[in-house]
Amino acid sequence: MTGAGSETPIRVLVAKVGLDGHDRGLRIVARVLRDAGCEVIYAGLRQTTDSITATAIDEDVDLVGVSMHNGAHLTLAPAVVDALRAAGLDTPVIVGGIVPEADIPLLHAAGVAAVLGPGTSNEDVVATVRHVVGRDGTDPGLSA
């Protein structure tokens, strides 16, 4: 998934935060992104904000994707964003999973770059990742 003039693939860290043990969707997204040319780092289940931040630093990722299916998105997603910022990273965060429509503006206000819900097509996942990291030719400051 290299963009025009870009030599390196987009590096994406995907993880489950907290005690949520449902990772089928995350594995599918990891495969979709890999097949689209991304380098995907799969951190897996039961990650903490500190472990995600450490991996983001160690792997020099362009984007962090967290999957939420436990209803804790309003607590955990902003905590991931805050931990990354506290470490001096401006790495964008995308949340995927079960998020009520009314909560999406709250996540955006907390610094989440995009929210992808159930039924998001593979093409839309890839397009959102490209957009958020600025590899689609548009301004990544626009909300995806």
Protein backbone atom coordinates (compact mmCIF):
# COMPACT_ATOMS: atom_id res chain seq x y z
CA MET A 1 0.00 0.00 0.00
CA THR A 2 2.48 2.53 -1.14
CA GLY A 3 1.30 5.90 -2.32
CA ALA A 4 2.55 8.06 -5.15
CA GLY A 5 6.20 8.85 -4.55
CA SER A 6 6.31 6.64 -1.49
CA GLU A 7 8.84 3.83 -1.30
CA THR A 8 7.75 2.28 1.98
CA PRO A 9 4.55 0.42 2.82
CA ILE A 10 2.22 1.79 5.47
CA ARG A 11 3.06 0.18 8.82
CA VAL A 12 -0.06 -0.59 10.86
CA LEU A 13 -0.20 -1.88 14.42
CA VAL A 14 -3.45 -3.70 15.21
CA ALA A 15 -4.45 -4.73 18.71
CA LYS A 16 -7.23 -5.48 21.17
CA VAL A 17 -7.18 -3.31 24.29
CA GLY A 18 -8.27 -4.52 27.69
CA LEU A 19 -10.06 -7.76 28.40
CA ASP A 20 -11.94 -8.03 25.11
CA GLY A 21 -11.18 -11.51 23.78
CA HIS A 22 -12.95 -11.33 20.42
CA ASP A 23 -10.32 -11.00 17.67
CA ARG A 24 -11.85 -12.58 14.57
CA GLY A 25 -12.60 -9.19 12.98
CA LEU A 26 -9.15 -7.88 13.86
CA ARG A 27 -7.53 -10.87 12.18
CA ILE A 28 -9.60 -10.29 9.06
CA VAL A 29 -8.66 -6.59 8.99
CA ALA A 30 -4.99 -7.53 9.45
CA ARG A 31 -5.22 -9.84 6.44
CA VAL A 32 -7.05 -7.25 4.33
CA LEU A 33 -4.40 -4.63 5.09
CA ARG A 34 -1.56 -7.08 4.47
CA ASP A 35 -3.09 -8.07 1.13
CA ALA A 36 -3.33 -4.35 0.26
CA GLY A 37 0.42 -3.98 0.78
CA CYS A 38 0.62 -2.77 4.38
CA GLU A 39 3.11 -4.12 6.86
CA VAL A 40 0.86 -5.28 9.68
CA ILE A 41 2.06 -5.80 13.23
CA TYR A 42 -0.50 -7.91 15.07
CA ALA A 43 -0.16 -7.27 18.80
CA GLY A 44 -3.07 -9.49 19.65
CA LEU A 45 -5.38 -9.72 22.62
CA ARG A 46 -5.40 -8.08 26.04
CA GLN A 47 -3.01 -5.25 25.29
CA THR A 48 -2.55 -2.24 27.54
CA THR A 49 -2.07 1.36 26.49
CA ASP A 50 1.57 1.03 27.57
CA SER A 51 2.16 -2.12 25.52
CA ILE A 52 0.53 -0.55 22.45
CA THR A 53 2.66 2.58 22.86
CA ALA A 54 5.85 0.56 23.30
CA THR A 55 5.09 -1.51 20.22
CA ALA A 56 4.21 1.60 18.20
CA ILE A 57 7.60 3.05 19.10
CA ASP A 58 9.55 -0.18 18.56
CA GLU A 59 7.91 -0.89 15.21
CA ASP A 60 7.84 2.75 13.99
CA VAL A 61 4.24 2.42 12.86
CA ASP A 62 2.28 4.92 10.79
CA LEU A 63 -1.08 4.01 12.33
CA VAL A 64 -2.58 2.18 15.29
CA GLY A 65 -5.81 0.25 14.83
CA VAL A 66 -7.68 -0.93 17.91
CA SER A 67 -10.68 -3.22 17.87
CA MET A 68 -13.45 -2.73 20.43
CA HIS A 69 -16.33 -5.09 21.08
CA ASN A 70 -16.76 -4.72 24.83
CA GLY A 71 -18.42 -1.32 25.20
CA ALA A 72 -15.33 0.33 26.68
CA HIS A 73 -14.49 2.37 23.57
CA LEU A 74 -15.16 5.73 25.25
CA THR A 75 -12.61 4.89 27.96
CA LEU A 76 -10.01 2.76 26.21
CA ALA A 77 -9.71 4.45 22.80
CA PRO A 78 -9.00 7.91 24.28
CA ALA A 79 -6.55 6.26 26.69
CA VAL A 80 -4.64 4.80 23.71
CA VAL A 81 -4.56 8.22 22.02
CA ASP A 82 -3.41 9.87 25.27
CA ALA A 83 -0.67 7.28 25.86
CA LEU A 84 0.69 7.75 22.34
CA ARG A 85 0.66 11.55 22.73
CA ALA A 86 2.32 11.32 26.16
CA ALA A 87 5.13 9.37 24.49
CA GLY A 88 5.56 12.14 21.94
CA LEU A 89 3.90 10.29 19.08
CA ASP A 90 1.34 11.81 16.74
CA THR A 91 0.43 8.38 15.37
CA PRO A 92 -3.22 8.32 14.29
CA VAL A 93 -5.61 5.84 15.90
CA ILE A 94 -8.49 4.11 14.13
CA VAL A 95 -11.13 2.30 16.15
CA GLY A 96 -12.98 -0.65 14.69
CA GLY A 97 -15.83 -2.62 16.14
CA ILE A 98 -19.12 -2.06 17.88
CA VAL A 99 -19.46 1.69 18.44
CA PRO A 100 -22.87 3.37 18.69
CA GLU A 101 -23.32 6.17 16.16
CA ALA A 102 -23.80 8.71 18.98
CA ASP A 103 -20.33 7.90 20.37
CA ILE A 104 -18.42 8.55 17.14
CA PRO A 105 -18.24 12.36 17.58
CA LEU A 106 -17.01 11.81 21.15
CA LEU A 107 -14.21 9.55 19.88
CA HIS A 108 -13.26 12.09 17.22
CA ALA A 109 -13.16 14.80 19.90
CA ALA A 110 -10.86 12.55 21.94
CA GLY A 111 -8.41 12.32 19.03
CA VAL A 112 -9.51 9.14 17.26
CA ALA A 113 -8.92 9.64 13.53
CA ALA A 114 -11.65 7.32 12.24
CA VAL A 115 -14.19 4.75 13.39
CA LEU A 116 -15.03 1.69 11.31
CA GLY A 117 -18.11 -0.26 12.29
CA PRO A 118 -19.51 -3.69 11.48
CA GLY A 119 -20.08 -4.19 7.78
CA THR A 120 -17.34 -1.80 6.66
CA SER A 121 -16.13 -3.13 3.32
CA ASN A 122 -12.55 -4.22 2.79
CA GLU A 123 -12.16 -1.40 0.27
CA ASP A 124 -13.36 1.16 2.81
CA VAL A 125 -10.94 -0.18 5.45
CA VAL A 126 -8.02 0.23 3.04
CA ALA A 127 -9.22 3.64 1.82
CA THR A 128 -9.61 4.89 5.40
CA VAL A 129 -6.11 3.76 6.35
CA ARG A 130 -4.66 5.44 3.27
CA HIS A 131 -6.60 8.61 4.00
CA VAL A 132 -5.68 8.80 7.68
CA VAL A 133 -1.96 8.44 6.98
CA GLY A 134 -2.11 10.88 4.07
CA ARG A 135 -1.36 8.43 1.29
CA ASP A 136 -4.49 8.99 -0.77
CA GLY A 137 -3.71 12.44 -2.09
CA THR A 138 -6.11 14.24 0.26
CA ASP A 139 -5.59 16.20 3.46
CA PRO A 140 -5.30 13.66 6.34
CA GLY A 141 -6.62 16.38 8.67
CA LEU A 142 -10.08 15.74 7.27
CA SER A 143 -12.18 13.31 9.27
CA ALA A 144 -12.53 9.88 7.70
